[in-house]
Amino acid sequence: MRIRKGDSVVIISGEGKRIASKPGSGGPYKVLQVLDGGERLLVEGVNKVHKHVRRGHPKSPQGGRLHLEMPIAASRCMYFCESCNKAVRVGYRYDTDGQKERHCRSCGASAGSIGKPRPQYASK
């Protein structure tokens, strides 16, 4: 899973790209949730739909239309690197103490650590 909850992403294809290309759209979007083992993403402000609910529903007791964001395929998104200020690919590497981390493939900036340190991968 290369993209995680809380990451900034850029939409590179589909309806979201058309919306994102409009002036004042806000640029990179925040990932709210990762679904299906990283195959689908719930992205803030992208793929908004109206869901009609009946009266008495717990989320909307008076009924009406709910504005929801639906998941999109992870292949339509790319990680947004703040240091490069562009959409980039994400790679994995081990740092000097054996900690696995994600990093920007373009500039090499760290995108956060994953899991526990592994001494067998620490540089000696």
PDB file of N, CA and C in Angstrom:
ATOM      1  N   MET A   1       0.854  -1.174   0.000  1.00  0.00           N
ATOM      2  CA  MET A   1       0.000   0.000   0.000  1.00  0.00           C
ATOM      3  C   MET A   1       0.899   1.237   0.000  1.00  0.00           C
ATOM      4  N   ARG A   2       0.995   1.895  -1.125  1.00  0.00           N
ATOM      5  CA  ARG A   2       1.908   3.015  -1.252  1.00  0.00           C
ATOM      6  C   ARG A   2       1.289   4.323  -0.763  1.00  0.00           C
ATOM      7  N   ILE A   3      -0.007   4.469  -0.912  1.00  0.00           N
ATOM      8  CA  ILE A   3      -0.681   5.684  -0.440  1.00  0.00           C
ATOM      9  C   ILE A   3      -1.431   5.338   0.837  1.00  0.00           C
ATOM     10  N   ARG A   4      -1.276   6.191   1.840  1.00  0.00           N
ATOM     11  CA  ARG A   4      -1.872   5.928   3.145  1.00  0.00           C
ATOM     12  C   ARG A   4      -2.841   7.042   3.528  1.00  0.00           C
ATOM     13  N   LYS A   5      -3.598   6.801   4.581  1.00  0.00           N
ATOM     14  CA  LYS A   5      -4.547   7.775   5.101  1.00  0.00           C
ATOM     15  C   LYS A   5      -3.791   9.032   5.535  1.00  0.00           C
ATOM     16  N   GLY A   6      -4.293  10.199   5.145  1.00  0.00           N
ATOM     17  CA  GLY A   6      -3.668  11.460   5.515  1.00  0.00           C
ATOM     18  C   GLY A   6      -2.693  12.000   4.486  1.00  0.00           C
ATOM     19  N   ASP A   7      -2.344  11.201   3.473  1.00  0.00           N
ATOM     20  CA  ASP A   7      -1.432  11.673   2.432  1.00  0.00           C
ATOM     21  C   ASP A   7      -2.123  12.681   1.525  1.00  0.00           C
ATOM     22  N   SER A   8      -1.326  13.502   0.878  1.00  0.00           N
ATOM     23  CA  SER A   8      -1.826  14.402  -0.158  1.00  0.00           C
ATOM     24  C   SER A   8      -1.636  13.719  -1.498  1.00  0.00           C
ATOM     25  N   VAL A   9      -2.670  13.749  -2.337  1.00  0.00           N
ATOM     26  CA  VAL A   9      -2.602  13.110  -3.646  1.00  0.00           C
ATOM     27  C   VAL A   9      -3.062  14.078  -4.725  1.00  0.00           C
ATOM     28  N   VAL A  10      -2.642  13.793  -5.952  1.00  0.00           N
ATOM     29  CA  VAL A  10      -3.080  14.529  -7.132  1.00  0.00           C
ATOM     30  C   VAL A  10      -3.833  13.540  -8.003  1.00  0.00           C
ATOM     31  N   ILE A  11      -4.980  13.946  -8.547  1.00  0.00           N
ATOM     32  CA  ILE A  11      -5.777  13.085  -9.416  1.00  0.00           C
ATOM     33  C   ILE A  11      -5.191  13.187 -10.824  1.00  0.00           C
ATOM     34  N   ILE A  12      -4.848  12.045 -11.420  1.00  0.00           N
ATOM     35  CA  ILE A  12      -4.180  12.071 -12.725  1.00  0.00           C
ATOM     36  C   ILE A  12      -5.063  11.606 -13.865  1.00  0.00           C
ATOM     37  N   SER A  13      -6.258  11.056 -13.587  1.00  0.00           N
ATOM     38  CA  SER A  13      -7.136  10.644 -14.677  1.00  0.00           C
ATOM     39  C   SER A  13      -8.583  10.652 -14.209  1.00  0.00           C
ATOM     40  N   GLY A  14      -9.491  10.668 -15.168  1.00  0.00           N
ATOM     41  CA  GLY A  14     -10.909  10.580 -14.880  1.00  0.00           C
ATOM     42  C   GLY A  14     -11.565  11.921 -14.584  1.00  0.00           C
ATOM     43  N   GLU A  15     -12.749  11.834 -14.007  1.00  0.00           N
ATOM     44  CA  GLU A  15     -13.554  13.013 -13.701  1.00  0.00           C
ATOM     45  C   GLU A  15     -12.846  13.937 -12.710  1.00  0.00           C
ATOM     46  N   GLY A  16     -12.136  13.364 -11.761  1.00  0.00           N
ATOM     47  CA  GLY A  16     -11.431  14.161 -10.756  1.00  0.00           C
ATOM     48  C   GLY A  16     -10.366  15.050 -11.359  1.00  0.00           C
ATOM     49  N   LYS A  17      -9.723  14.597 -12.436  1.00  0.00           N
ATOM     50  CA  LYS A  17      -8.698  15.409 -13.090  1.00  0.00           C
ATOM     51  C   LYS A  17      -9.328  16.636 -13.729  1.00  0.00           C
ATOM     52  N   ARG A  18     -10.490  16.453 -14.342  1.00  0.00           N
ATOM     53  CA  ARG A  18     -11.187  17.579 -14.985  1.00  0.00           C
ATOM     54  C   ARG A  18     -11.586  18.621 -13.946  1.00  0.00           C
ATOM     55  N   ILE A  19     -12.058  18.161 -12.799  1.00  0.00           N
ATOM     56  CA  ILE A  19     -12.453  19.069 -11.729  1.00  0.00           C
ATOM     57  C   ILE A  19     -11.222  19.750 -11.139  1.00  0.00           C
ATOM     58  N   ALA A  20     -10.137  18.994 -10.963  1.00  0.00           N
ATOM     59  CA  ALA A  20      -8.924  19.531 -10.351  1.00  0.00           C
ATOM     60  C   ALA A  20      -8.239  20.551 -11.242  1.00  0.00           C
ATOM     61  N   SER A  21      -8.453  20.482 -12.551  1.00  0.00           N
ATOM     62  CA  SER A  21      -7.781  21.405 -13.458  1.00  0.00           C
ATOM     63  C   SER A  21      -8.436  22.791 -13.491  1.00  0.00           C
ATOM     64  N   LYS A  22      -9.628  22.917 -12.894  1.00  0.00           N
ATOM     65  CA  LYS A  22     -10.293  24.216 -12.864  1.00  0.00           C
ATOM     66  C   LYS A  22      -9.558  25.163 -11.920  1.00  0.00           C
ATOM     67  N   PRO A  23      -9.533  26.467 -12.225  1.00  0.00           N
ATOM     68  CA  PRO A  23      -8.865  27.408 -11.330  1.00  0.00           C
ATOM     69  C   PRO A  23      -9.563  27.466  -9.969  1.00  0.00           C
ATOM     70  N   GLY A  24      -8.761  27.542  -8.920  1.00  0.00           N
ATOM     71  CA  GLY A  24      -9.299  27.642  -7.567  1.00  0.00           C
ATOM     72  C   GLY A  24      -9.789  26.324  -7.005  1.00  0.00           C
ATOM     73  N   SER A  25      -9.365  25.200  -7.595  1.00  0.00           N
ATOM     74  CA  SER A  25      -9.838  23.894  -7.130  1.00  0.00           C
ATOM     75  C   SER A  25      -9.139  23.454  -5.849  1.00  0.00           C
ATOM     76  N   GLY A  26      -7.996  24.035  -5.527  1.00  0.00           N
ATOM     77  CA  GLY A  26      -7.340  23.704  -4.274  1.00  0.00           C
ATOM     78  C   GLY A  26      -6.125  22.813  -4.397  1.00  0.00           C
ATOM     79  N   GLY A  27      -5.803  22.363  -5.597  1.00  0.00           N
ATOM     80  CA  GLY A  27      -4.586  21.583  -5.792  1.00  0.00           C
ATOM     81  C   GLY A  27      -4.662  20.184  -5.218  1.00  0.00           C
ATOM     82  N   PRO A  28      -3.650  19.748  -4.444  1.00  0.00           N
ATOM     83  CA  PRO A  28      -3.664  18.370  -3.954  1.00  0.00           C
ATOM     84  C   PRO A  28      -4.794  18.135  -2.952  1.00  0.00           C
ATOM     85  N   TYR A  29      -5.269  16.895  -2.944  1.00  0.00           N
ATOM     86  CA  TYR A  29      -6.369  16.514  -2.071  1.00  0.00           C
ATOM     87  C   TYR A  29      -5.871  15.584  -0.976  1.00  0.00           C
ATOM     88  N   LYS A  30      -6.616  15.509   0.108  1.00  0.00           N
ATOM     89  CA  LYS A  30      -6.245  14.676   1.256  1.00  0.00           C
ATOM     90  C   LYS A  30      -6.985  13.345   1.189  1.00  0.00           C
ATOM     91  N   VAL A  31      -6.278  12.243   1.487  1.00  0.00           N
ATOM     92  CA  VAL A  31      -6.880  10.912   1.515  1.00  0.00           C
ATOM     93  C   VAL A  31      -7.548  10.729   2.875  1.00  0.00           C
ATOM     94  N   LEU A  32      -8.853  10.436   2.861  1.00  0.00           N
ATOM     95  CA  LEU A  32      -9.616  10.249   4.089  1.00  0.00           C
ATOM     96  C   LEU A  32      -9.576   8.807   4.575  1.00  0.00           C
ATOM     97  N   GLN A  33      -9.570   7.848   3.623  1.00  0.00           N
ATOM     98  CA  GLN A  33      -9.629   6.446   3.997  1.00  0.00           C
ATOM     99  C   GLN A  33      -9.074   5.603   2.853  1.00  0.00           C
ATOM    100  N   VAL A  34      -8.420   4.496   3.203  1.00  0.00           N
ATOM    101  CA  VAL A  34      -7.912   3.541   2.222  1.00  0.00           C
ATOM    102  C   VAL A  34      -8.750   2.280   2.339  1.00  0.00           C
ATOM    103  N   LEU A  35      -9.311   1.829   1.215  1.00  0.00           N
ATOM    104  CA  LEU A  35     -10.214   0.680   1.213  1.00  0.00           C
ATOM    105  C   LEU A  35      -9.672  -0.435   0.327  1.00  0.00           C
ATOM    106  N   ASP A  36     -10.184  -1.649   0.514  1.00  0.00           N
ATOM    107  CA  ASP A  36      -9.859  -2.821  -0.314  1.00  0.00           C
ATOM    108  C   ASP A  36      -8.367  -3.079  -0.405  1.00  0.00           C
ATOM    109  N   GLY A  37      -7.659  -2.952   0.697  1.00  0.00           N
ATOM    110  CA  GLY A  37      -6.235  -3.256   0.713  1.00  0.00           C
ATOM    111  C   GLY A  37      -5.391  -2.304  -0.110  1.00  0.00           C
ATOM    112  N   GLY A  38      -5.839  -1.080  -0.264  1.00  0.00           N
ATOM    113  CA  GLY A  38      -5.075  -0.086  -1.001  1.00  0.00           C
ATOM    114  C   GLY A  38      -5.503   0.071  -2.442  1.00  0.00           C
ATOM    115  N   GLU A  39      -6.515  -0.684  -2.885  1.00  0.00           N
ATOM    116  CA  GLU A  39      -6.974  -0.593  -4.270  1.00  0.00           C
ATOM    117  C   GLU A  39      -7.879   0.614  -4.516  1.00  0.00           C
ATOM    118  N   ARG A  40      -8.598   1.055  -3.482  1.00  0.00           N
ATOM    119  CA  ARG A  40      -9.527   2.179  -3.638  1.00  0.00           C
ATOM    120  C   ARG A  40      -9.263   3.194  -2.533  1.00  0.00           C
ATOM    121  N   LEU A  41      -9.467   4.477  -2.862  1.00  0.00           N
ATOM    122  CA  LEU A  41      -9.209   5.566  -1.922  1.00  0.00           C
ATOM    123  C   LEU A  41     -10.439   6.444  -1.794  1.00  0.00           C
ATOM    124  N   LEU A  42     -10.678   6.923  -0.600  1.00  0.00           N
ATOM    125  CA  LEU A  42     -11.714   7.914  -0.360  1.00  0.00           C
ATOM    126  C   LEU A  42     -10.993   9.247  -0.228  1.00  0.00           C
ATOM    127  N   VAL A  43     -11.162  10.115  -1.221  1.00  0.00           N
ATOM    128  CA  VAL A  43     -10.414  11.360  -1.303  1.00  0.00           C
ATOM    129  C   VAL A  43     -11.360  12.522  -1.052  1.00  0.00           C
ATOM    130  N   GLU A  44     -10.915  13.461  -0.229  1.00  0.00           N
ATOM    131  CA  GLU A  44     -11.738  14.601   0.165  1.00  0.00           C
ATOM    132  C   GLU A  44     -12.033  15.498  -1.031  1.00  0.00           C
ATOM    133  N   GLY A  45     -13.324  15.729  -1.311  1.00  0.00           N
ATOM    134  CA  GLY A  45     -13.740  16.642  -2.361  1.00  0.00           C
ATOM    135  C   GLY A  45     -13.746  16.062  -3.759  1.00  0.00           C
ATOM    136  N   VAL A  46     -13.490  14.763  -3.910  1.00  0.00           N
ATOM    137  CA  VAL A  46     -13.457  14.131  -5.229  1.00  0.00           C
ATOM    138  C   VAL A  46     -14.532  13.053  -5.289  1.00  0.00           C
ATOM    139  N   ASN A  47     -15.197  12.932  -6.434  1.00  0.00           N
ATOM    140  CA  ASN A  47     -16.242  11.932  -6.676  1.00  0.00           C
ATOM    141  C   ASN A  47     -17.405  12.104  -5.701  1.00  0.00           C
ATOM    142  N   LYS A  48     -17.924  13.313  -5.610  1.00  0.00           N
ATOM    143  CA  LYS A  48     -19.055  13.592  -4.726  1.00  0.00           C
ATOM    144  C   LYS A  48     -20.354  13.158  -5.396  1.00  0.00           C
ATOM    145  N   VAL A  49     -21.232  12.542  -4.601  1.00  0.00           N
ATOM    146  CA  VAL A  49     -22.528  12.076  -5.092  1.00  0.00           C
ATOM    147  C   VAL A  49     -23.614  12.526  -4.120  1.00  0.00           C
ATOM    148  N   HIS A  50     -24.858  12.463  -4.600  1.00  0.00           N
ATOM    149  CA  HIS A  50     -26.019  12.725  -3.750  1.00  0.00           C
ATOM    150  C   HIS A  50     -26.671  11.388  -3.463  1.00  0.00           C
ATOM    151  N   LYS A  51     -26.817  11.058  -2.188  1.00  0.00           N
ATOM    152  CA  LYS A  51     -27.513   9.832  -1.811  1.00  0.00           C
ATOM    153  C   LYS A  51     -28.850  10.222  -1.215  1.00  0.00           C
ATOM    154  N   HIS A  52     -29.921   9.678  -1.771  1.00  0.00           N
ATOM    155  CA  HIS A  52     -31.258   9.966  -1.278  1.00  0.00           C
ATOM    156  C   HIS A  52     -31.587   9.020  -0.142  1.00  0.00           C
ATOM    157  N   VAL A  53     -31.972   9.565   1.002  1.00  0.00           N
ATOM    158  CA  VAL A  53     -32.288   8.740   2.165  1.00  0.00           C
ATOM    159  C   VAL A  53     -33.730   8.984   2.594  1.00  0.00           C
ATOM    160  N   ARG A  54     -34.338   7.935   3.110  1.00  0.00           N
ATOM    161  CA  ARG A  54     -35.713   8.043   3.588  1.00  0.00           C
ATOM    162  C   ARG A  54     -35.744   8.682   4.961  1.00  0.00           C
ATOM    163  N   ARG A  55     -36.870   9.173   5.325  1.00  0.00           N
ATOM    164  CA  ARG A  55     -37.061   9.741   6.643  1.00  0.00           C
ATOM    165  C   ARG A  55     -36.894   8.656   7.695  1.00  0.00           C
ATOM    166  N   GLY A  56     -36.264   8.982   8.816  1.00  0.00           N
ATOM    167  CA  GLY A  56     -36.040   8.019   9.882  1.00  0.00           C
ATOM    168  C   GLY A  56     -34.671   7.363   9.820  1.00  0.00           C
ATOM    169  N   HIS A  57     -33.877   7.698   8.828  1.00  0.00           N
ATOM    170  CA  HIS A  57     -32.509   7.170   8.725  1.00  0.00           C
ATOM    171  C   HIS A  57     -31.653   7.805   9.823  1.00  0.00           C
ATOM    172  N   PRO A  58     -30.755   7.040  10.483  1.00  0.00           N
ATOM    173  CA  PRO A  58     -29.968   7.598  11.592  1.00  0.00           C
ATOM    174  C   PRO A  58     -29.123   8.821  11.220  1.00  0.00           C
ATOM    175  N   LYS A  59     -28.577   8.851   9.989  1.00  0.00           N
ATOM    176  CA  LYS A  59     -27.754   9.988   9.591  1.00  0.00           C
ATOM    177  C   LYS A  59     -28.581  11.220   9.247  1.00  0.00           C
ATOM    178  N   SER A  60     -29.793  11.003   8.803  1.00  0.00           N
ATOM    179  CA  SER A  60     -30.644  12.119   8.401  1.00  0.00           C
ATOM    180  C   SER A  60     -32.084  11.814   8.800  1.00  0.00           C
ATOM    181  N   PRO A  61     -32.490  12.144  10.044  1.00  0.00           N
ATOM    182  CA  PRO A  61     -33.831  11.778  10.509  1.00  0.00           C
ATOM    183  C   PRO A  61     -34.961  12.425   9.711  1.00  0.00           C
ATOM    184  N   GLN A  62     -34.720  13.604   9.108  1.00  0.00           N
ATOM    185  CA  GLN A  62     -35.778  14.255   8.345  1.00  0.00           C
ATOM    186  C   GLN A  62     -35.799  13.803   6.887  1.00  0.00           C
ATOM    187  N   GLY A  63     -34.810  12.990   6.458  1.00  0.00           N
ATOM    188  CA  GLY A  63     -34.759  12.513   5.075  1.00  0.00           C
ATOM    189  C   GLY A  63     -34.132  13.563   4.170  1.00  0.00           C
ATOM    190  N   GLY A  64     -34.053  13.269   2.901  1.00  0.00           N
ATOM    191  CA  GLY A  64     -33.500  14.205   1.929  1.00  0.00           C
ATOM    192  C   GLY A  64     -32.294  13.631   1.217  1.00  0.00           C
ATOM    193  N   ARG A  65     -31.396  14.533   0.795  1.00  0.00           N
ATOM    194  CA  ARG A  65     -30.208  14.125   0.049  1.00  0.00           C
ATOM    195  C   ARG A  65     -28.954  14.349   0.880  1.00  0.00           C
ATOM    196  N   LEU A  66     -28.124  13.330   0.973  1.00  0.00           N
ATOM    197  CA  LEU A  66     -26.824  13.455   1.638  1.00  0.00           C
ATOM    198  C   LEU A  66     -25.757  13.659   0.580  1.00  0.00           C
ATOM    199  N   HIS A  67     -24.800  14.521   0.852  1.00  0.00           N
ATOM    200  CA  HIS A  67     -23.673  14.736  -0.044  1.00  0.00           C
ATOM    201  C   HIS A  67     -22.511  13.886   0.460  1.00  0.00           C
ATOM    202  N   LEU A  68     -22.128  12.882  -0.306  1.00  0.00           N
ATOM    203  CA  LEU A  68     -21.104  11.935   0.105  1.00  0.00           C
ATOM    204  C   LEU A  68     -19.971  11.888  -0.913  1.00  0.00           C
ATOM    205  N   GLU A  69     -18.798  11.477  -0.453  1.00  0.00           N
ATOM    206  CA  GLU A  69     -17.685  11.190  -1.343  1.00  0.00           C
ATOM    207  C   GLU A  69     -17.597   9.680  -1.495  1.00  0.00           C
ATOM    208  N   MET A  70     -17.485   9.211  -2.714  1.00  0.00           N
ATOM    209  CA  MET A  70     -17.370   7.790  -2.983  1.00  0.00           C
ATOM    210  C   MET A  70     -15.926   7.448  -3.330  1.00  0.00           C
ATOM    211  N   PRO A  71     -15.524   6.193  -3.121  1.00  0.00           N
ATOM    212  CA  PRO A  71     -14.138   5.810  -3.393  1.00  0.00           C
ATOM    213  C   PRO A  71     -13.797   5.864  -4.881  1.00  0.00           C
ATOM    214  N   ILE A  72     -12.508   6.088  -5.164  1.00  0.00           N
ATOM    215  CA  ILE A  72     -12.000   6.034  -6.525  1.00  0.00           C
ATOM    216  C   ILE A  72     -10.830   5.046  -6.555  1.00  0.00           C
ATOM    217  N   ALA A  73     -10.458   4.601  -7.734  1.00  0.00           N
ATOM    218  CA  ALA A  73      -9.356   3.651  -7.878  1.00  0.00           C
ATOM    219  C   ALA A  73      -8.045   4.337  -7.510  1.00  0.00           C
ATOM    220  N   ALA A  74      -7.182   3.610  -6.812  1.00  0.00           N
ATOM    221  CA  ALA A  74      -5.894   4.163  -6.402  1.00  0.00           C
ATOM    222  C   ALA A  74      -4.997   4.447  -7.599  1.00  0.00           C
ATOM    223  N   SER A  75      -5.242   3.765  -8.720  1.00  0.00           N
ATOM    224  CA  SER A  75      -4.429   3.991  -9.917  1.00  0.00           C
ATOM    225  C   SER A  75      -4.675   5.358 -10.536  1.00  0.00           C
ATOM    226  N   ARG A  76      -5.735   6.031 -10.136  1.00  0.00           N
ATOM    227  CA  ARG A  76      -6.030   7.375 -10.645  1.00  0.00           C
ATOM    228  C   ARG A  76      -5.355   8.476  -9.840  1.00  0.00           C
ATOM    229  N   CYS A  77      -4.625   8.109  -8.793  1.00  0.00           N
ATOM    230  CA  CYS A  77      -3.999   9.087  -7.902  1.00  0.00           C
ATOM    231  C   CYS A  77      -2.490   8.900  -7.877  1.00  0.00           C
ATOM    232  N   MET A  78      -1.789  10.000  -7.641  1.00  0.00           N
ATOM    233  CA  MET A  78      -0.354   9.944  -7.405  1.00  0.00           C
ATOM    234  C   MET A  78      -0.054  10.724  -6.142  1.00  0.00           C
ATOM    235  N   TYR A  79       0.947  10.263  -5.413  1.00  0.00           N
ATOM    236  CA  TYR A  79       1.381  10.917  -4.178  1.00  0.00           C
ATOM    237  C   TYR A  79       1.908  12.314  -4.504  1.00  0.00           C
ATOM    238  N   PHE A  80       1.562  13.312  -3.677  1.00  0.00           N
ATOM    239  CA  PHE A  80       2.031  14.685  -3.865  1.00  0.00           C
ATOM    240  C   PHE A  80       3.131  14.959  -2.855  1.00  0.00           C
ATOM    241  N   CYS A  81       4.346  15.218  -3.350  1.00  0.00           N
ATOM    242  CA  CYS A  81       5.499  15.500  -2.488  1.00  0.00           C
ATOM    243  C   CYS A  81       5.573  17.002  -2.224  1.00  0.00           C
ATOM    244  N   GLU A  82       5.576  17.386  -0.950  1.00  0.00           N
ATOM    245  CA  GLU A  82       5.625  18.803  -0.600  1.00  0.00           C
ATOM    246  C   GLU A  82       6.982  19.432  -0.919  1.00  0.00           C
ATOM    247  N   SER A  83       8.065  18.654  -0.818  1.00  0.00           N
ATOM    248  CA  SER A  83       9.381  19.228  -1.095  1.00  0.00           C
ATOM    249  C   SER A  83       9.595  19.426  -2.600  1.00  0.00           C
ATOM    250  N   CYS A  84       9.100  18.511  -3.434  1.00  0.00           N
ATOM    251  CA  CYS A  84       9.195  18.670  -4.901  1.00  0.00           C
ATOM    252  C   CYS A  84       8.100  19.587  -5.430  1.00  0.00           C
ATOM    253  N   ASN A  85       6.976  19.631  -4.729  1.00  0.00           N
ATOM    254  CA  ASN A  85       5.787  20.375  -5.129  1.00  0.00           C
ATOM    255  C   ASN A  85       5.218  19.837  -6.441  1.00  0.00           C
ATOM    256  N   LYS A  86       5.203  18.489  -6.567  1.00  0.00           N
ATOM    257  CA  LYS A  86       4.631  17.855  -7.750  1.00  0.00           C
ATOM    258  C   LYS A  86       4.220  16.424  -7.414  1.00  0.00           C
ATOM    259  N   ALA A  87       3.488  15.803  -8.336  1.00  0.00           N
ATOM    260  CA  ALA A  87       3.073  14.411  -8.171  1.00  0.00           C
ATOM    261  C   ALA A  87       4.253  13.502  -8.493  1.00  0.00           C
ATOM    262  N   VAL A  88       4.516  12.540  -7.619  1.00  0.00           N
ATOM    263  CA  VAL A  88       5.684  11.658  -7.773  1.00  0.00           C
ATOM    264  C   VAL A  88       5.306  10.214  -7.446  1.00  0.00           C
ATOM    265  N   ARG A  89       6.207   9.301  -7.786  1.00  0.00           N
ATOM    266  CA  ARG A  89       6.064   7.915  -7.378  1.00  0.00           C
ATOM    267  C   ARG A  89       6.682   7.747  -5.995  1.00  0.00           C
ATOM    268  N   VAL A  90       6.200   6.743  -5.278  1.00  0.00           N
ATOM    269  CA  VAL A  90       6.672   6.480  -3.924  1.00  0.00           C
ATOM    270  C   VAL A  90       7.430   5.163  -3.921  1.00  0.00           C
ATOM    271  N   GLY A  91       8.572   5.139  -3.251  1.00  0.00           N
ATOM    272  CA  GLY A  91       9.360   3.915  -3.115  1.00  0.00           C
ATOM    273  C   GLY A  91       9.580   3.583  -1.658  1.00  0.00           C
ATOM    274  N   TYR A  92      10.173   2.410  -1.417  1.00  0.00           N
ATOM    275  CA  TYR A  92      10.491   1.975  -0.067  1.00  0.00           C
ATOM    276  C   TYR A  92      11.997   1.829   0.065  1.00  0.00           C
ATOM    277  N   ARG A  93      12.511   2.088   1.246  1.00  0.00           N
ATOM    278  CA  ARG A  93      13.930   1.884   1.537  1.00  0.00           C
ATOM    279  C   ARG A  93      14.097   1.715   3.040  1.00  0.00           C
ATOM    280  N   TYR A  94      15.280   1.218   3.437  1.00  0.00           N
ATOM    281  CA  TYR A  94      15.620   1.098   4.845  1.00  0.00           C
ATOM    282  C   TYR A  94      16.648   2.172   5.171  1.00  0.00           C
ATOM    283  N   ASP A  95      16.443   2.892   6.269  1.00  0.00           N
ATOM    284  CA  ASP A  95      17.427   3.904   6.659  1.00  0.00           C
ATOM    285  C   ASP A  95      18.533   3.247   7.486  1.00  0.00           C
ATOM    286  N   THR A  96      19.414   4.043   8.054  1.00  0.00           N
ATOM    287  CA  THR A  96      20.627   3.519   8.703  1.00  0.00           C
ATOM    288  C   THR A  96      20.351   2.626   9.909  1.00  0.00           C
ATOM    289  N   ASP A  97      19.251   2.848  10.637  1.00  0.00           N
ATOM    290  CA  ASP A  97      18.971   2.007  11.815  1.00  0.00           C
ATOM    291  C   ASP A  97      18.030   0.842  11.497  1.00  0.00           C
ATOM    292  N   GLY A  98      17.754   0.579  10.223  1.00  0.00           N
ATOM    293  CA  GLY A  98      16.922  -0.551   9.835  1.00  0.00           C
ATOM    294  C   GLY A  98      15.443  -0.258   9.802  1.00  0.00           C
ATOM    295  N   GLN A  99      15.056   0.996   9.893  1.00  0.00           N
ATOM    296  CA  GLN A  99      13.654   1.394   9.856  1.00  0.00           C
ATOM    297  C   GLN A  99      13.202   1.507   8.399  1.00  0.00           C
ATOM    298  N   LYS A 100      12.114   0.827   8.040  1.00  0.00           N
ATOM    299  CA  LYS A 100      11.581   0.904   6.684  1.00  0.00           C
ATOM    300  C   LYS A 100      10.809   2.198   6.544  1.00  0.00           C
ATOM    301  N   GLU A 101      11.016   2.909   5.430  1.00  0.00           N
ATOM    302  CA  GLU A 101      10.323   4.178   5.222  1.00  0.00           C
ATOM    303  C   GLU A 101       9.925   4.330   3.766  1.00  0.00           C
ATOM    304  N   ARG A 102       8.889   5.135   3.551  1.00  0.00           N
ATOM    305  CA  ARG A 102       8.497   5.511   2.196  1.00  0.00           C
ATOM    306  C   ARG A 102       9.273   6.760   1.827  1.00  0.00           C
ATOM    307  N   HIS A 103       9.597   6.897   0.544  1.00  0.00           N
ATOM    308  CA  HIS A 103      10.334   8.083   0.117  1.00  0.00           C
ATOM    309  C   HIS A 103       9.910   8.490  -1.295  1.00  0.00           C
ATOM    310  N   CYS A 104      10.147   9.750  -1.603  1.00  0.00           N
ATOM    311  CA  CYS A 104       9.868  10.305  -2.923  1.00  0.00           C
ATOM    312  C   CYS A 104      10.940   9.802  -3.885  1.00  0.00           C
ATOM    313  N   ARG A 105      10.528   9.249  -5.010  1.00  0.00           N
ATOM    314  CA  ARG A 105      11.490   8.732  -5.979  1.00  0.00           C
ATOM    315  C   ARG A 105      12.175   9.850  -6.751  1.00  0.00           C
ATOM    316  N   SER A 106      11.620  11.043  -6.710  1.00  0.00           N
ATOM    317  CA  SER A 106      12.193  12.156  -7.462  1.00  0.00           C
ATOM    318  C   SER A 106      13.297  12.872  -6.678  1.00  0.00           C
ATOM    319  N   CYS A 107      12.990  13.275  -5.444  1.00  0.00           N
ATOM    320  CA  CYS A 107      13.960  14.049  -4.666  1.00  0.00           C
ATOM    321  C   CYS A 107      14.563  13.272  -3.500  1.00  0.00           C
ATOM    322  N   GLY A 108      13.970  12.141  -3.132  1.00  0.00           N
ATOM    323  CA  GLY A 108      14.501  11.331  -2.047  1.00  0.00           C
ATOM    324  C   GLY A 108      14.013  11.714  -0.664  1.00  0.00           C
ATOM    325  N   ALA A 109      13.083  12.647  -0.563  1.00  0.00           N
ATOM    326  CA  ALA A 109      12.569  13.074   0.740  1.00  0.00           C
ATOM    327  C   ALA A 109      11.741  11.951   1.373  1.00  0.00           C
ATOM    328  N   SER A 110      11.836  11.810   2.687  1.00  0.00           N
ATOM    329  CA  SER A 110      11.105  10.777   3.405  1.00  0.00           C
ATOM    330  C   SER A 110       9.622  11.126   3.478  1.00  0.00           C
ATOM    331  N   ALA A 111       8.771  10.093   3.354  1.00  0.00           N
ATOM    332  CA  ALA A 111       7.326  10.279   3.439  1.00  0.00           C
ATOM    333  C   ALA A 111       6.752   9.570   4.655  1.00  0.00           C
ATOM    334  N   GLY A 112       7.598   9.153   5.597  1.00  0.00           N
ATOM    335  CA  GLY A 112       7.123   8.522   6.817  1.00  0.00           C
ATOM    336  C   GLY A 112       7.635   7.107   6.977  1.00  0.00           C
ATOM    337  N   SER A 113       7.696   6.662   8.223  1.00  0.00           N
ATOM    338  CA  SER A 113       8.206   5.336   8.549  1.00  0.00           C
ATOM    339  C   SER A 113       7.093   4.306   8.562  1.00  0.00           C
ATOM    340  N   ILE A 114       7.483   3.048   8.374  1.00  0.00           N
ATOM    341  CA  ILE A 114       6.532   1.939   8.366  1.00  0.00           C
ATOM    342  C   ILE A 114       7.064   0.854   9.288  1.00  0.00           C
ATOM    343  N   GLY A 115       6.261   0.393  10.217  1.00  0.00           N
ATOM    344  CA  GLY A 115       6.616  -0.747  11.060  1.00  0.00           C
ATOM    345  C   GLY A 115       7.725  -0.483  12.052  1.00  0.00           C
ATOM    346  N   LYS A 116       8.272  -1.592  12.575  1.00  0.00           N
ATOM    347  CA  LYS A 116       9.329  -1.538  13.579  1.00  0.00           C
ATOM    348  C   LYS A 116      10.697  -1.644  12.908  1.00  0.00           C
ATOM    349  N   PRO A 117      11.746  -1.119  13.545  1.00  0.00           N
ATOM    350  CA  PRO A 117      13.093  -1.253  12.965  1.00  0.00           C
ATOM    351  C   PRO A 117      13.533  -2.714  12.905  1.00  0.00           C
ATOM    352  N   ARG A 118      14.254  -3.061  11.858  1.00  0.00           N
ATOM    353  CA  ARG A 118      14.799  -4.402  11.689  1.00  0.00           C
ATOM    354  C   ARG A 118      16.311  -4.324  11.740  1.00  0.00           C
ATOM    355  N   PRO A 119      16.900  -4.900  12.759  1.00  0.00           N
ATOM    356  CA  PRO A 119      18.366  -4.788  12.905  1.00  0.00           C
ATOM    357  C   PRO A 119      19.139  -5.428  11.758  1.00  0.00           C
ATOM    358  N   GLN A 120      18.581  -6.454  11.101  1.00  0.00           N
ATOM    359  CA  GLN A 120      19.308  -7.098  10.021  1.00  0.00           C
ATOM    360  C   GLN A 120      19.472  -6.193   8.803  1.00  0.00           C
ATOM    361  N   TYR A 121      18.641  -5.128   8.683  1.00  0.00           N
ATOM    362  CA  TYR A 121      18.752  -4.192   7.580  1.00  0.00           C
ATOM    363  C   TYR A 121      19.499  -2.913   7.948  1.00  0.00           C
ATOM    364  N   ALA A 122      19.940  -2.800   9.184  1.00  0.00           N
ATOM    365  CA  ALA A 122      20.678  -1.605   9.614  1.00  0.00           C
ATOM    366  C   ALA A 122      22.059  -1.617   8.971  1.00  0.00           C
ATOM    367  N   SER A 123      22.500  -0.425   8.549  1.00  0.00           N
ATOM    368  CA  SER A 123      23.835  -0.335   7.959  1.00  0.00           C
ATOM    369  C   SER A 123      24.867  -0.390   9.078  1.00  0.00           C
ATOM    370  N   LYS A 124      25.951  -1.072   8.833  1.00  0.00           N
ATOM    371  CA  LYS A 124      26.953  -1.298   9.878  1.00  0.00           C
ATOM    372  C   LYS A 124      28.112  -0.370   9.736  1.00  0.00           C
TER     373      LYS A 124
END
